Protein backbone atom coordinates (compact mmCIF):
# COMPACT_ATOMS: atom_id res chain seq x y z
CA MET A 1 105.76 79.78 26.98
CA ARG A 2 104.33 78.33 30.18
CA LYS A 3 104.44 80.59 33.20
CA THR A 4 104.44 77.81 35.81
CA MET A 5 106.40 74.62 36.44
CA THR A 6 105.97 71.33 38.25
CA LYS A 7 108.47 68.72 39.37
CA ASP A 8 107.55 66.68 36.29
CA ASP A 9 108.61 69.58 34.05
CA LEU A 10 111.99 69.68 35.78
CA ILE A 11 112.38 65.91 35.51
CA ALA A 12 111.53 66.13 31.79
CA ILE A 13 114.48 68.48 31.20
CA GLY A 14 116.92 66.25 33.05
CA TYR A 15 116.81 67.00 36.78
CA LYS A 16 116.76 64.05 39.16
CA PRO A 17 113.43 63.53 40.98
CA HIS A 18 114.78 64.52 44.40
CA THR A 19 116.37 67.68 42.98
CA ALA A 20 113.13 68.59 41.18
CA VAL A 21 111.08 68.19 44.37
CA SER A 22 113.63 70.24 46.31
CA LEU A 23 113.51 73.08 43.77
CA ILE A 24 109.71 73.18 43.89
CA ARG A 25 109.81 73.30 47.71
CA GLN A 26 112.32 76.14 47.68
CA ALA A 27 110.22 78.07 45.16
CA LYS A 28 107.13 77.61 47.33
CA GLU A 29 109.02 78.95 50.36
CA ILE A 30 110.06 82.01 48.36
CA MET A 31 106.47 82.63 47.25
CA VAL A 32 105.22 82.41 50.86
CA LYS A 33 107.91 84.91 51.92
CA LYS A 34 106.79 87.21 49.09
CA GLY A 35 103.33 87.26 50.65
CA TYR A 36 101.46 84.51 48.83
CA PRO A 37 100.20 82.19 51.62
CA PHE A 38 98.43 80.15 48.93
CA TYR A 39 101.76 78.37 48.33
CA ASN A 40 101.86 77.14 51.94
CA ASN A 41 99.99 73.99 50.88
CA LYS A 42 101.77 70.66 50.56
CA ARG A 43 99.38 69.48 47.84
CA LEU A 44 100.27 72.40 45.58
CA GLY A 45 103.06 71.44 43.20
CA ARG A 46 102.99 74.20 40.59
CA VAL A 47 105.15 77.30 41.02
CA PRO A 48 106.01 80.33 38.88
CA ARG A 49 108.66 79.61 36.30
CA ASP A 50 110.59 82.81 37.01
CA VAL A 51 111.11 81.78 40.65
CA VAL A 52 112.59 78.44 39.57
CA GLU A 53 114.79 80.22 37.04
CA SER A 54 116.05 82.57 39.75
CA LEU A 55 116.89 79.59 41.98
CA LEU A 56 118.79 77.89 39.17
CA GLY A 57 120.40 81.06 37.88
CA VAL A 58 119.56 80.18 34.28
CA SER A 59 116.73 80.79 31.86
CA LEU A 60 114.87 77.59 31.01
CA LYS A 61 113.97 76.93 27.39
CA GLU A 62 110.38 77.17 26.27
CA GLU A 63 110.44 73.57 25.03
CA ILE A 64 109.12 72.46 28.41
CA SER A 65 105.53 71.49 27.88
CA THR A 66 104.03 68.31 29.18
CA ASP A 67 100.35 69.14 28.95
CA GLY A 68 100.24 72.16 26.66
CA ASP A 69 98.31 74.56 28.91
CA ASN A 70 99.67 78.00 29.91
């Protein structure tokens, strides 16, 4: 199972593009608040899967894999 997600992963499972971008932004804000300033970079679009799952309140299936790494 991949440990990170991108907006394309969220779009692949059915989220609208704007919603996917918004979720990634929110996850990045959470990571910065947790003490990871690395996520305070607008070019970074990959966030930990568990943070996205906590935002959504659901566990995402492991079928999400667009490029096969992780």
